[in-house]
Amino acid sequence: KWVPVQVPYTKQPALGSAGTLKSL
């Protein structure tokens, strides 16, 4: 359940939603 520790060096655009990933 990874939460990045390093804060990005540049401001990251807000992520859009792509629905649900059901499988690989």
PDBML (XML) file of the C-alpha atoms, coordinates in Angstrom:
<?xml version="1.0" encoding="UTF-8" ?>
<PDBx:datablock datablockName="MODEL"
   xmlns:PDBx="http://pdbml.pdb.org/schema/pdbx-v50.xsd"
   xmlns:xsi="http://www.w3.org/2001/XMLSchema-instance"
   xsi:schemaLocation="http://pdbml.pdb.org/schema/pdbx-v50.xsd pdbx-v50.xsd">
   <PDBx:atom_siteCategory>
      <PDBx:atom_site id="1">
         <PDBx:B_iso_or_equiv>0.00</PDBx:B_iso_or_equiv>
         <PDBx:Cartn_x>0.000</PDBx:Cartn_x>
         <PDBx:Cartn_y>0.000</PDBx:Cartn_y>
         <PDBx:Cartn_z>0.000</PDBx:Cartn_z>
         <PDBx:auth_asym_id>A</PDBx:auth_asym_id>
         <PDBx:auth_atom_id>CA</PDBx:auth_atom_id>
         <PDBx:auth_comp_id>LYS</PDBx:auth_comp_id>
         <PDBx:auth_seq_id>1</PDBx:auth_seq_id>
         <PDBx:group_PDB>ATOM</PDBx:group_PDB>
         <PDBx:label_alt_id xsi:nil="true" />
         <PDBx:label_asym_id>A</PDBx:label_asym_id>
         <PDBx:label_atom_id>CA</PDBx:label_atom_id>
         <PDBx:label_comp_id>LYS</PDBx:label_comp_id>
         <PDBx:label_entity_id>1</PDBx:label_entity_id>
         <PDBx:label_seq_id>1</PDBx:label_seq_id>
         <PDBx:occupancy>1.00</PDBx:occupancy>
         <PDBx:pdbx_PDB_model_num>1</PDBx:pdbx_PDB_model_num>
         <PDBx:type_symbol>C</PDBx:type_symbol>
      </PDBx:atom_site>
      <PDBx:atom_site id="2">
         <PDBx:B_iso_or_equiv>0.00</PDBx:B_iso_or_equiv>
         <PDBx:Cartn_x>2.784</PDBx:Cartn_x>
         <PDBx:Cartn_y>2.303</PDBx:Cartn_y>
         <PDBx:Cartn_z>-1.005</PDBx:Cartn_z>
         <PDBx:auth_asym_id>A</PDBx:auth_asym_id>
         <PDBx:auth_atom_id>CA</PDBx:auth_atom_id>
         <PDBx:auth_comp_id>TRP</PDBx:auth_comp_id>
         <PDBx:auth_seq_id>2</PDBx:auth_seq_id>
         <PDBx:group_PDB>ATOM</PDBx:group_PDB>
         <PDBx:label_alt_id xsi:nil="true" />
         <PDBx:label_asym_id>A</PDBx:label_asym_id>
         <PDBx:label_atom_id>CA</PDBx:label_atom_id>
         <PDBx:label_comp_id>TRP</PDBx:label_comp_id>
         <PDBx:label_entity_id>1</PDBx:label_entity_id>
         <PDBx:label_seq_id>2</PDBx:label_seq_id>
         <PDBx:occupancy>1.00</PDBx:occupancy>
         <PDBx:pdbx_PDB_model_num>1</PDBx:pdbx_PDB_model_num>
         <PDBx:type_symbol>C</PDBx:type_symbol>
      </PDBx:atom_site>
      <PDBx:atom_site id="3">
         <PDBx:B_iso_or_equiv>0.00</PDBx:B_iso_or_equiv>
         <PDBx:Cartn_x>2.672</PDBx:Cartn_x>
         <PDBx:Cartn_y>5.995</PDBx:Cartn_y>
         <PDBx:Cartn_z>-0.142</PDBx:Cartn_z>
         <PDBx:auth_asym_id>A</PDBx:auth_asym_id>
         <PDBx:auth_atom_id>CA</PDBx:auth_atom_id>
         <PDBx:auth_comp_id>VAL</PDBx:auth_comp_id>
         <PDBx:auth_seq_id>3</PDBx:auth_seq_id>
         <PDBx:group_PDB>ATOM</PDBx:group_PDB>
         <PDBx:label_alt_id xsi:nil="true" />
         <PDBx:label_asym_id>A</PDBx:label_asym_id>
         <PDBx:label_atom_id>CA</PDBx:label_atom_id>
         <PDBx:label_comp_id>VAL</PDBx:label_comp_id>
         <PDBx:label_entity_id>1</PDBx:label_entity_id>
         <PDBx:label_seq_id>3</PDBx:label_seq_id>
         <PDBx:occupancy>1.00</PDBx:occupancy>
         <PDBx:pdbx_PDB_model_num>1</PDBx:pdbx_PDB_model_num>
         <PDBx:type_symbol>C</PDBx:type_symbol>
      </PDBx:atom_site>
      <PDBx:atom_site id="4">
         <PDBx:B_iso_or_equiv>0.00</PDBx:B_iso_or_equiv>
         <PDBx:Cartn_x>5.639</PDBx:Cartn_x>
         <PDBx:Cartn_y>7.853</PDBx:Cartn_y>
         <PDBx:Cartn_z>-1.671</PDBx:Cartn_z>
         <PDBx:auth_asym_id>A</PDBx:auth_asym_id>
         <PDBx:auth_atom_id>CA</PDBx:auth_atom_id>
         <PDBx:auth_comp_id>PRO</PDBx:auth_comp_id>
         <PDBx:auth_seq_id>4</PDBx:auth_seq_id>
         <PDBx:group_PDB>ATOM</PDBx:group_PDB>
         <PDBx:label_alt_id xsi:nil="true" />
         <PDBx:label_asym_id>A</PDBx:label_asym_id>
         <PDBx:label_atom_id>CA</PDBx:label_atom_id>
         <PDBx:label_comp_id>PRO</PDBx:label_comp_id>
         <PDBx:label_entity_id>1</PDBx:label_entity_id>
         <PDBx:label_seq_id>4</PDBx:label_seq_id>
         <PDBx:occupancy>1.00</PDBx:occupancy>
         <PDBx:pdbx_PDB_model_num>1</PDBx:pdbx_PDB_model_num>
         <PDBx:type_symbol>C</PDBx:type_symbol>
      </PDBx:atom_site>
      <PDBx:atom_site id="5">
         <PDBx:B_iso_or_equiv>0.00</PDBx:B_iso_or_equiv>
         <PDBx:Cartn_x>7.960</PDBx:Cartn_x>
         <PDBx:Cartn_y>9.407</PDBx:Cartn_y>
         <PDBx:Cartn_z>0.881</PDBx:Cartn_z>
         <PDBx:auth_asym_id>A</PDBx:auth_asym_id>
         <PDBx:auth_atom_id>CA</PDBx:auth_atom_id>
         <PDBx:auth_comp_id>VAL</PDBx:auth_comp_id>
         <PDBx:auth_seq_id>5</PDBx:auth_seq_id>
         <PDBx:group_PDB>ATOM</PDBx:group_PDB>
         <PDBx:label_alt_id xsi:nil="true" />
         <PDBx:label_asym_id>A</PDBx:label_asym_id>
         <PDBx:label_atom_id>CA</PDBx:label_atom_id>
         <PDBx:label_comp_id>VAL</PDBx:label_comp_id>
         <PDBx:label_entity_id>1</PDBx:label_entity_id>
         <PDBx:label_seq_id>5</PDBx:label_seq_id>
         <PDBx:occupancy>1.00</PDBx:occupancy>
         <PDBx:pdbx_PDB_model_num>1</PDBx:pdbx_PDB_model_num>
         <PDBx:type_symbol>C</PDBx:type_symbol>
      </PDBx:atom_site>
      <PDBx:atom_site id="6">
         <PDBx:B_iso_or_equiv>0.00</PDBx:B_iso_or_equiv>
         <PDBx:Cartn_x>9.772</PDBx:Cartn_x>
         <PDBx:Cartn_y>11.685</PDBx:Cartn_y>
         <PDBx:Cartn_z>-1.536</PDBx:Cartn_z>
         <PDBx:auth_asym_id>A</PDBx:auth_asym_id>
         <PDBx:auth_atom_id>CA</PDBx:auth_atom_id>
         <PDBx:auth_comp_id>GLN</PDBx:auth_comp_id>
         <PDBx:auth_seq_id>6</PDBx:auth_seq_id>
         <PDBx:group_PDB>ATOM</PDBx:group_PDB>
         <PDBx:label_alt_id xsi:nil="true" />
         <PDBx:label_asym_id>A</PDBx:label_asym_id>
         <PDBx:label_atom_id>CA</PDBx:label_atom_id>
         <PDBx:label_comp_id>GLN</PDBx:label_comp_id>
         <PDBx:label_entity_id>1</PDBx:label_entity_id>
         <PDBx:label_seq_id>6</PDBx:label_seq_id>
         <PDBx:occupancy>1.00</PDBx:occupancy>
         <PDBx:pdbx_PDB_model_num>1</PDBx:pdbx_PDB_model_num>
         <PDBx:type_symbol>C</PDBx:type_symbol>
      </PDBx:atom_site>
      <PDBx:atom_site id="7">
         <PDBx:B_iso_or_equiv>0.00</PDBx:B_iso_or_equiv>
         <PDBx:Cartn_x>7.817</PDBx:Cartn_x>
         <PDBx:Cartn_y>14.795</PDBx:Cartn_y>
         <PDBx:Cartn_z>-2.450</PDBx:Cartn_z>
         <PDBx:auth_asym_id>A</PDBx:auth_asym_id>
         <PDBx:auth_atom_id>CA</PDBx:auth_atom_id>
         <PDBx:auth_comp_id>VAL</PDBx:auth_comp_id>
         <PDBx:auth_seq_id>7</PDBx:auth_seq_id>
         <PDBx:group_PDB>ATOM</PDBx:group_PDB>
         <PDBx:label_alt_id xsi:nil="true" />
         <PDBx:label_asym_id>A</PDBx:label_asym_id>
         <PDBx:label_atom_id>CA</PDBx:label_atom_id>
         <PDBx:label_comp_id>VAL</PDBx:label_comp_id>
         <PDBx:label_entity_id>1</PDBx:label_entity_id>
         <PDBx:label_seq_id>7</PDBx:label_seq_id>
         <PDBx:occupancy>1.00</PDBx:occupancy>
         <PDBx:pdbx_PDB_model_num>1</PDBx:pdbx_PDB_model_num>
         <PDBx:type_symbol>C</PDBx:type_symbol>
      </PDBx:atom_site>
      <PDBx:atom_site id="8">
         <PDBx:B_iso_or_equiv>0.00</PDBx:B_iso_or_equiv>
         <PDBx:Cartn_x>8.083</PDBx:Cartn_x>
         <PDBx:Cartn_y>15.435</PDBx:Cartn_y>
         <PDBx:Cartn_z>-6.225</PDBx:Cartn_z>
         <PDBx:auth_asym_id>A</PDBx:auth_asym_id>
         <PDBx:auth_atom_id>CA</PDBx:auth_atom_id>
         <PDBx:auth_comp_id>PRO</PDBx:auth_comp_id>
         <PDBx:auth_seq_id>8</PDBx:auth_seq_id>
         <PDBx:group_PDB>ATOM</PDBx:group_PDB>
         <PDBx:label_alt_id xsi:nil="true" />
         <PDBx:label_asym_id>A</PDBx:label_asym_id>
         <PDBx:label_atom_id>CA</PDBx:label_atom_id>
         <PDBx:label_comp_id>PRO</PDBx:label_comp_id>
         <PDBx:label_entity_id>1</PDBx:label_entity_id>
         <PDBx:label_seq_id>8</PDBx:label_seq_id>
         <PDBx:occupancy>1.00</PDBx:occupancy>
         <PDBx:pdbx_PDB_model_num>1</PDBx:pdbx_PDB_model_num>
         <PDBx:type_symbol>C</PDBx:type_symbol>
      </PDBx:atom_site>
      <PDBx:atom_site id="9">
         <PDBx:B_iso_or_equiv>0.00</PDBx:B_iso_or_equiv>
         <PDBx:Cartn_x>10.403</PDBx:Cartn_x>
         <PDBx:Cartn_y>18.246</PDBx:Cartn_y>
         <PDBx:Cartn_z>-7.252</PDBx:Cartn_z>
         <PDBx:auth_asym_id>A</PDBx:auth_asym_id>
         <PDBx:auth_atom_id>CA</PDBx:auth_atom_id>
         <PDBx:auth_comp_id>TYR</PDBx:auth_comp_id>
         <PDBx:auth_seq_id>9</PDBx:auth_seq_id>
         <PDBx:group_PDB>ATOM</PDBx:group_PDB>
         <PDBx:label_alt_id xsi:nil="true" />
         <PDBx:label_asym_id>A</PDBx:label_asym_id>
         <PDBx:label_atom_id>CA</PDBx:label_atom_id>
         <PDBx:label_comp_id>TYR</PDBx:label_comp_id>
         <PDBx:label_entity_id>1</PDBx:label_entity_id>
         <PDBx:label_seq_id>9</PDBx:label_seq_id>
         <PDBx:occupancy>1.00</PDBx:occupancy>
         <PDBx:pdbx_PDB_model_num>1</PDBx:pdbx_PDB_model_num>
         <PDBx:type_symbol>C</PDBx:type_symbol>
      </PDBx:atom_site>
      <PDBx:atom_site id="10">
         <PDBx:B_iso_or_equiv>0.00</PDBx:B_iso_or_equiv>
         <PDBx:Cartn_x>7.793</PDBx:Cartn_x>
         <PDBx:Cartn_y>19.766</PDBx:Cartn_y>
         <PDBx:Cartn_z>-9.537</PDBx:Cartn_z>
         <PDBx:auth_asym_id>A</PDBx:auth_asym_id>
         <PDBx:auth_atom_id>CA</PDBx:auth_atom_id>
         <PDBx:auth_comp_id>THR</PDBx:auth_comp_id>
         <PDBx:auth_seq_id>10</PDBx:auth_seq_id>
         <PDBx:group_PDB>ATOM</PDBx:group_PDB>
         <PDBx:label_alt_id xsi:nil="true" />
         <PDBx:label_asym_id>A</PDBx:label_asym_id>
         <PDBx:label_atom_id>CA</PDBx:label_atom_id>
         <PDBx:label_comp_id>THR</PDBx:label_comp_id>
         <PDBx:label_entity_id>1</PDBx:label_entity_id>
         <PDBx:label_seq_id>10</PDBx:label_seq_id>
         <PDBx:occupancy>1.00</PDBx:occupancy>
         <PDBx:pdbx_PDB_model_num>1</PDBx:pdbx_PDB_model_num>
         <PDBx:type_symbol>C</PDBx:type_symbol>
      </PDBx:atom_site>
      <PDBx:atom_site id="11">
         <PDBx:B_iso_or_equiv>0.00</PDBx:B_iso_or_equiv>
         <PDBx:Cartn_x>4.106</PDBx:Cartn_x>
         <PDBx:Cartn_y>20.272</PDBx:Cartn_y>
         <PDBx:Cartn_z>-8.939</PDBx:Cartn_z>
         <PDBx:auth_asym_id>A</PDBx:auth_asym_id>
         <PDBx:auth_atom_id>CA</PDBx:auth_atom_id>
         <PDBx:auth_comp_id>LYS</PDBx:auth_comp_id>
         <PDBx:auth_seq_id>11</PDBx:auth_seq_id>
         <PDBx:group_PDB>ATOM</PDBx:group_PDB>
         <PDBx:label_alt_id xsi:nil="true" />
         <PDBx:label_asym_id>A</PDBx:label_asym_id>
         <PDBx:label_atom_id>CA</PDBx:label_atom_id>
         <PDBx:label_comp_id>LYS</PDBx:label_comp_id>
         <PDBx:label_entity_id>1</PDBx:label_entity_id>
         <PDBx:label_seq_id>11</PDBx:label_seq_id>
         <PDBx:occupancy>1.00</PDBx:occupancy>
         <PDBx:pdbx_PDB_model_num>1</PDBx:pdbx_PDB_model_num>
         <PDBx:type_symbol>C</PDBx:type_symbol>
      </PDBx:atom_site>
      <PDBx:atom_site id="12">
         <PDBx:B_iso_or_equiv>0.00</PDBx:B_iso_or_equiv>
         <PDBx:Cartn_x>2.200</PDBx:Cartn_x>
         <PDBx:Cartn_y>17.288</PDBx:Cartn_y>
         <PDBx:Cartn_z>-10.259</PDBx:Cartn_z>
         <PDBx:auth_asym_id>A</PDBx:auth_asym_id>
         <PDBx:auth_atom_id>CA</PDBx:auth_atom_id>
         <PDBx:auth_comp_id>GLN</PDBx:auth_comp_id>
         <PDBx:auth_seq_id>12</PDBx:auth_seq_id>
         <PDBx:group_PDB>ATOM</PDBx:group_PDB>
         <PDBx:label_alt_id xsi:nil="true" />
         <PDBx:label_asym_id>A</PDBx:label_asym_id>
         <PDBx:label_atom_id>CA</PDBx:label_atom_id>
         <PDBx:label_comp_id>GLN</PDBx:label_comp_id>
         <PDBx:label_entity_id>1</PDBx:label_entity_id>
         <PDBx:label_seq_id>12</PDBx:label_seq_id>
         <PDBx:occupancy>1.00</PDBx:occupancy>
         <PDBx:pdbx_PDB_model_num>1</PDBx:pdbx_PDB_model_num>
         <PDBx:type_symbol>C</PDBx:type_symbol>
      </PDBx:atom_site>
      <PDBx:atom_site id="13">
         <PDBx:B_iso_or_equiv>0.00</PDBx:B_iso_or_equiv>
         <PDBx:Cartn_x>-1.013</PDBx:Cartn_x>
         <PDBx:Cartn_y>17.831</PDBx:Cartn_y>
         <PDBx:Cartn_z>-12.232</PDBx:Cartn_z>
         <PDBx:auth_asym_id>A</PDBx:auth_asym_id>
         <PDBx:auth_atom_id>CA</PDBx:auth_atom_id>
         <PDBx:auth_comp_id>PRO</PDBx:auth_comp_id>
         <PDBx:auth_seq_id>13</PDBx:auth_seq_id>
         <PDBx:group_PDB>ATOM</PDBx:group_PDB>
         <PDBx:label_alt_id xsi:nil="true" />
         <PDBx:label_asym_id>A</PDBx:label_asym_id>
         <PDBx:label_atom_id>CA</PDBx:label_atom_id>
         <PDBx:label_comp_id>PRO</PDBx:label_comp_id>
         <PDBx:label_entity_id>1</PDBx:label_entity_id>
         <PDBx:label_seq_id>13</PDBx:label_seq_id>
         <PDBx:occupancy>1.00</PDBx:occupancy>
         <PDBx:pdbx_PDB_model_num>1</PDBx:pdbx_PDB_model_num>
         <PDBx:type_symbol>C</PDBx:type_symbol>
      </PDBx:atom_site>
      <PDBx:atom_site id="14">
         <PDBx:B_iso_or_equiv>0.00</PDBx:B_iso_or_equiv>
         <PDBx:Cartn_x>-4.119</PDBx:Cartn_x>
         <PDBx:Cartn_y>16.393</PDBx:Cartn_y>
         <PDBx:Cartn_z>-10.631</PDBx:Cartn_z>
         <PDBx:auth_asym_id>A</PDBx:auth_asym_id>
         <PDBx:auth_atom_id>CA</PDBx:auth_atom_id>
         <PDBx:auth_comp_id>ALA</PDBx:auth_comp_id>
         <PDBx:auth_seq_id>14</PDBx:auth_seq_id>
         <PDBx:group_PDB>ATOM</PDBx:group_PDB>
         <PDBx:label_alt_id xsi:nil="true" />
         <PDBx:label_asym_id>A</PDBx:label_asym_id>
         <PDBx:label_atom_id>CA</PDBx:label_atom_id>
         <PDBx:label_comp_id>ALA</PDBx:label_comp_id>
         <PDBx:label_entity_id>1</PDBx:label_entity_id>
         <PDBx:label_seq_id>14</PDBx:label_seq_id>
         <PDBx:occupancy>1.00</PDBx:occupancy>
         <PDBx:pdbx_PDB_model_num>1</PDBx:pdbx_PDB_model_num>
         <PDBx:type_symbol>C</PDBx:type_symbol>
      </PDBx:atom_site>
      <PDBx:atom_site id="15">
         <PDBx:B_iso_or_equiv>0.00</PDBx:B_iso_or_equiv>
         <PDBx:Cartn_x>-4.742</PDBx:Cartn_x>
         <PDBx:Cartn_y>12.845</PDBx:Cartn_y>
         <PDBx:Cartn_z>-11.764</PDBx:Cartn_z>
         <PDBx:auth_asym_id>A</PDBx:auth_asym_id>
         <PDBx:auth_atom_id>CA</PDBx:auth_atom_id>
         <PDBx:auth_comp_id>LEU</PDBx:auth_comp_id>
         <PDBx:auth_seq_id>15</PDBx:auth_seq_id>
         <PDBx:group_PDB>ATOM</PDBx:group_PDB>
         <PDBx:label_alt_id xsi:nil="true" />
         <PDBx:label_asym_id>A</PDBx:label_asym_id>
         <PDBx:label_atom_id>CA</PDBx:label_atom_id>
         <PDBx:label_comp_id>LEU</PDBx:label_comp_id>
         <PDBx:label_entity_id>1</PDBx:label_entity_id>
         <PDBx:label_seq_id>15</PDBx:label_seq_id>
         <PDBx:occupancy>1.00</PDBx:occupancy>
         <PDBx:pdbx_PDB_model_num>1</PDBx:pdbx_PDB_model_num>
         <PDBx:type_symbol>C</PDBx:type_symbol>
      </PDBx:atom_site>
      <PDBx:atom_site id="16">
         <PDBx:B_iso_or_equiv>0.00</PDBx:B_iso_or_equiv>
         <PDBx:Cartn_x>-7.833</PDBx:Cartn_x>
         <PDBx:Cartn_y>12.078</PDBx:Cartn_y>
         <PDBx:Cartn_z>-13.729</PDBx:Cartn_z>
         <PDBx:auth_asym_id>A</PDBx:auth_asym_id>
         <PDBx:auth_atom_id>CA</PDBx:auth_atom_id>
         <PDBx:auth_comp_id>GLY</PDBx:auth_comp_id>
         <PDBx:auth_seq_id>16</PDBx:auth_seq_id>
         <PDBx:group_PDB>ATOM</PDBx:group_PDB>
         <PDBx:label_alt_id xsi:nil="true" />
         <PDBx:label_asym_id>A</PDBx:label_asym_id>
         <PDBx:label_atom_id>CA</PDBx:label_atom_id>
         <PDBx:label_comp_id>GLY</PDBx:label_comp_id>
         <PDBx:label_entity_id>1</PDBx:label_entity_id>
         <PDBx:label_seq_id>16</PDBx:label_seq_id>
         <PDBx:occupancy>1.00</PDBx:occupancy>
         <PDBx:pdbx_PDB_model_num>1</PDBx:pdbx_PDB_model_num>
         <PDBx:type_symbol>C</PDBx:type_symbol>
      </PDBx:atom_site>
      <PDBx:atom_site id="17">
         <PDBx:B_iso_or_equiv>0.00</PDBx:B_iso_or_equiv>
         <PDBx:Cartn_x>-9.949</PDBx:Cartn_x>
         <PDBx:Cartn_y>9.038</PDBx:Cartn_y>
         <PDBx:Cartn_z>-12.971</PDBx:Cartn_z>
         <PDBx:auth_asym_id>A</PDBx:auth_asym_id>
         <PDBx:auth_atom_id>CA</PDBx:auth_atom_id>
         <PDBx:auth_comp_id>SER</PDBx:auth_comp_id>
         <PDBx:auth_seq_id>17</PDBx:auth_seq_id>
         <PDBx:group_PDB>ATOM</PDBx:group_PDB>
         <PDBx:label_alt_id xsi:nil="true" />
         <PDBx:label_asym_id>A</PDBx:label_asym_id>
         <PDBx:label_atom_id>CA</PDBx:label_atom_id>
         <PDBx:label_comp_id>SER</PDBx:label_comp_id>
         <PDBx:label_entity_id>1</PDBx:label_entity_id>
         <PDBx:label_seq_id>17</PDBx:label_seq_id>
         <PDBx:occupancy>1.00</PDBx:occupancy>
         <PDBx:pdbx_PDB_model_num>1</PDBx:pdbx_PDB_model_num>
         <PDBx:type_symbol>C</PDBx:type_symbol>
      </PDBx:atom_site>
      <PDBx:atom_site id="18">
         <PDBx:B_iso_or_equiv>0.00</PDBx:B_iso_or_equiv>
         <PDBx:Cartn_x>-9.755</PDBx:Cartn_x>
         <PDBx:Cartn_y>6.069</PDBx:Cartn_y>
         <PDBx:Cartn_z>-15.310</PDBx:Cartn_z>
         <PDBx:auth_asym_id>A</PDBx:auth_asym_id>
         <PDBx:auth_atom_id>CA</PDBx:auth_atom_id>
         <PDBx:auth_comp_id>ALA</PDBx:auth_comp_id>
         <PDBx:auth_seq_id>18</PDBx:auth_seq_id>
         <PDBx:group_PDB>ATOM</PDBx:group_PDB>
         <PDBx:label_alt_id xsi:nil="true" />
         <PDBx:label_asym_id>A</PDBx:label_asym_id>
         <PDBx:label_atom_id>CA</PDBx:label_atom_id>
         <PDBx:label_comp_id>ALA</PDBx:label_comp_id>
         <PDBx:label_entity_id>1</PDBx:label_entity_id>
         <PDBx:label_seq_id>18</PDBx:label_seq_id>
         <PDBx:occupancy>1.00</PDBx:occupancy>
         <PDBx:pdbx_PDB_model_num>1</PDBx:pdbx_PDB_model_num>
         <PDBx:type_symbol>C</PDBx:type_symbol>
      </PDBx:atom_site>
      <PDBx:atom_site id="19">
         <PDBx:B_iso_or_equiv>0.00</PDBx:B_iso_or_equiv>
         <PDBx:Cartn_x>-12.336</PDBx:Cartn_x>
         <PDBx:Cartn_y>3.908</PDBx:Cartn_y>
         <PDBx:Cartn_z>-13.688</PDBx:Cartn_z>
         <PDBx:auth_asym_id>A</PDBx:auth_asym_id>
         <PDBx:auth_atom_id>CA</PDBx:auth_atom_id>
         <PDBx:auth_comp_id>GLY</PDBx:auth_comp_id>
         <PDBx:auth_seq_id>19</PDBx:auth_seq_id>
         <PDBx:group_PDB>ATOM</PDBx:group_PDB>
         <PDBx:label_alt_id xsi:nil="true" />
         <PDBx:label_asym_id>A</PDBx:label_asym_id>
         <PDBx:label_atom_id>CA</PDBx:label_atom_id>
         <PDBx:label_comp_id>GLY</PDBx:label_comp_id>
         <PDBx:label_entity_id>1</PDBx:label_entity_id>
         <PDBx:label_seq_id>19</PDBx:label_seq_id>
         <PDBx:occupancy>1.00</PDBx:occupancy>
         <PDBx:pdbx_PDB_model_num>1</PDBx:pdbx_PDB_model_num>
         <PDBx:type_symbol>C</PDBx:type_symbol>
      </PDBx:atom_site>
      <PDBx:atom_site id="20">
         <PDBx:B_iso_or_equiv>0.00</PDBx:B_iso_or_equiv>
         <PDBx:Cartn_x>-11.502</PDBx:Cartn_x>
         <PDBx:Cartn_y>0.533</PDBx:Cartn_y>
         <PDBx:Cartn_z>-12.213</PDBx:Cartn_z>
         <PDBx:auth_asym_id>A</PDBx:auth_asym_id>
         <PDBx:auth_atom_id>CA</PDBx:auth_atom_id>
         <PDBx:auth_comp_id>THR</PDBx:auth_comp_id>
         <PDBx:auth_seq_id>20</PDBx:auth_seq_id>
         <PDBx:group_PDB>ATOM</PDBx:group_PDB>
         <PDBx:label_alt_id xsi:nil="true" />
         <PDBx:label_asym_id>A</PDBx:label_asym_id>
         <PDBx:label_atom_id>CA</PDBx:label_atom_id>
         <PDBx:label_comp_id>THR</PDBx:label_comp_id>
         <PDBx:label_entity_id>1</PDBx:label_entity_id>
         <PDBx:label_seq_id>20</PDBx:label_seq_id>
         <PDBx:occupancy>1.00</PDBx:occupancy>
         <PDBx:pdbx_PDB_model_num>1</PDBx:pdbx_PDB_model_num>
         <PDBx:type_symbol>C</PDBx:type_symbol>
      </PDBx:atom_site>
      <PDBx:atom_site id="21">
         <PDBx:B_iso_or_equiv>0.00</PDBx:B_iso_or_equiv>
         <PDBx:Cartn_x>-8.651</PDBx:Cartn_x>
         <PDBx:Cartn_y>-1.768</PDBx:Cartn_y>
         <PDBx:Cartn_z>-13.097</PDBx:Cartn_z>
         <PDBx:auth_asym_id>A</PDBx:auth_asym_id>
         <PDBx:auth_atom_id>CA</PDBx:auth_atom_id>
         <PDBx:auth_comp_id>LEU</PDBx:auth_comp_id>
         <PDBx:auth_seq_id>21</PDBx:auth_seq_id>
         <PDBx:group_PDB>ATOM</PDBx:group_PDB>
         <PDBx:label_alt_id xsi:nil="true" />
         <PDBx:label_asym_id>A</PDBx:label_asym_id>
         <PDBx:label_atom_id>CA</PDBx:label_atom_id>
         <PDBx:label_comp_id>LEU</PDBx:label_comp_id>
         <PDBx:label_entity_id>1</PDBx:label_entity_id>
         <PDBx:label_seq_id>21</PDBx:label_seq_id>
         <PDBx:occupancy>1.00</PDBx:occupancy>
         <PDBx:pdbx_PDB_model_num>1</PDBx:pdbx_PDB_model_num>
         <PDBx:type_symbol>C</PDBx:type_symbol>
      </PDBx:atom_site>
      <PDBx:atom_site id="22">
         <PDBx:B_iso_or_equiv>0.00</PDBx:B_iso_or_equiv>
         <PDBx:Cartn_x>-9.950</PDBx:Cartn_x>
         <PDBx:Cartn_y>-5.306</PDBx:Cartn_y>
         <PDBx:Cartn_z>-12.831</PDBx:Cartn_z>
         <PDBx:auth_asym_id>A</PDBx:auth_asym_id>
         <PDBx:auth_atom_id>CA</PDBx:auth_atom_id>
         <PDBx:auth_comp_id>LYS</PDBx:auth_comp_id>
         <PDBx:auth_seq_id>22</PDBx:auth_seq_id>
         <PDBx:group_PDB>ATOM</PDBx:group_PDB>
         <PDBx:label_alt_id xsi:nil="true" />
         <PDBx:label_asym_id>A</PDBx:label_asym_id>
         <PDBx:label_atom_id>CA</PDBx:label_atom_id>
         <PDBx:label_comp_id>LYS</PDBx:label_comp_id>
         <PDBx:label_entity_id>1</PDBx:label_entity_id>
         <PDBx:label_seq_id>22</PDBx:label_seq_id>
         <PDBx:occupancy>1.00</PDBx:occupancy>
         <PDBx:pdbx_PDB_model_num>1</PDBx:pdbx_PDB_model_num>
         <PDBx:type_symbol>C</PDBx:type_symbol>
      </PDBx:atom_site>
      <PDBx:atom_site id="23">
         <PDBx:B_iso_or_equiv>0.00</PDBx:B_iso_or_equiv>
         <PDBx:Cartn_x>-7.007</PDBx:Cartn_x>
         <PDBx:Cartn_y>-7.377</PDBx:Cartn_y>
         <PDBx:Cartn_z>-14.033</PDBx:Cartn_z>
         <PDBx:auth_asym_id>A</PDBx:auth_asym_id>
         <PDBx:auth_atom_id>CA</PDBx:auth_atom_id>
         <PDBx:auth_comp_id>SER</PDBx:auth_comp_id>
         <PDBx:auth_seq_id>23</PDBx:auth_seq_id>
         <PDBx:group_PDB>ATOM</PDBx:group_PDB>
         <PDBx:label_alt_id xsi:nil="true" />
         <PDBx:label_asym_id>A</PDBx:label_asym_id>
         <PDBx:label_atom_id>CA</PDBx:label_atom_id>
         <PDBx:label_comp_id>SER</PDBx:label_comp_id>
         <PDBx:label_entity_id>1</PDBx:label_entity_id>
         <PDBx:label_seq_id>23</PDBx:label_seq_id>
         <PDBx:occupancy>1.00</PDBx:occupancy>
         <PDBx:pdbx_PDB_model_num>1</PDBx:pdbx_PDB_model_num>
         <PDBx:type_symbol>C</PDBx:type_symbol>
      </PDBx:atom_site>
      <PDBx:atom_site id="24">
         <PDBx:B_iso_or_equiv>0.00</PDBx:B_iso_or_equiv>
         <PDBx:Cartn_x>-3.523</PDBx:Cartn_x>
         <PDBx:Cartn_y>-7.593</PDBx:Cartn_y>
         <PDBx:Cartn_z>-15.480</PDBx:Cartn_z>
         <PDBx:auth_asym_id>A</PDBx:auth_asym_id>
         <PDBx:auth_atom_id>CA</PDBx:auth_atom_id>
         <PDBx:auth_comp_id>LEU</PDBx:auth_comp_id>
         <PDBx:auth_seq_id>24</PDBx:auth_seq_id>
         <PDBx:group_PDB>ATOM</PDBx:group_PDB>
         <PDBx:label_alt_id xsi:nil="true" />
         <PDBx:label_asym_id>A</PDBx:label_asym_id>
         <PDBx:label_atom_id>CA</PDBx:label_atom_id>
         <PDBx:label_comp_id>LEU</PDBx:label_comp_id>
         <PDBx:label_entity_id>1</PDBx:label_entity_id>
         <PDBx:label_seq_id>24</PDBx:label_seq_id>
         <PDBx:occupancy>1.00</PDBx:occupancy>
         <PDBx:pdbx_PDB_model_num>1</PDBx:pdbx_PDB_model_num>
         <PDBx:type_symbol>C</PDBx:type_symbol>
      </PDBx:atom_site>
   </PDBx:atom_siteCategory>
</PDBx:datablock>
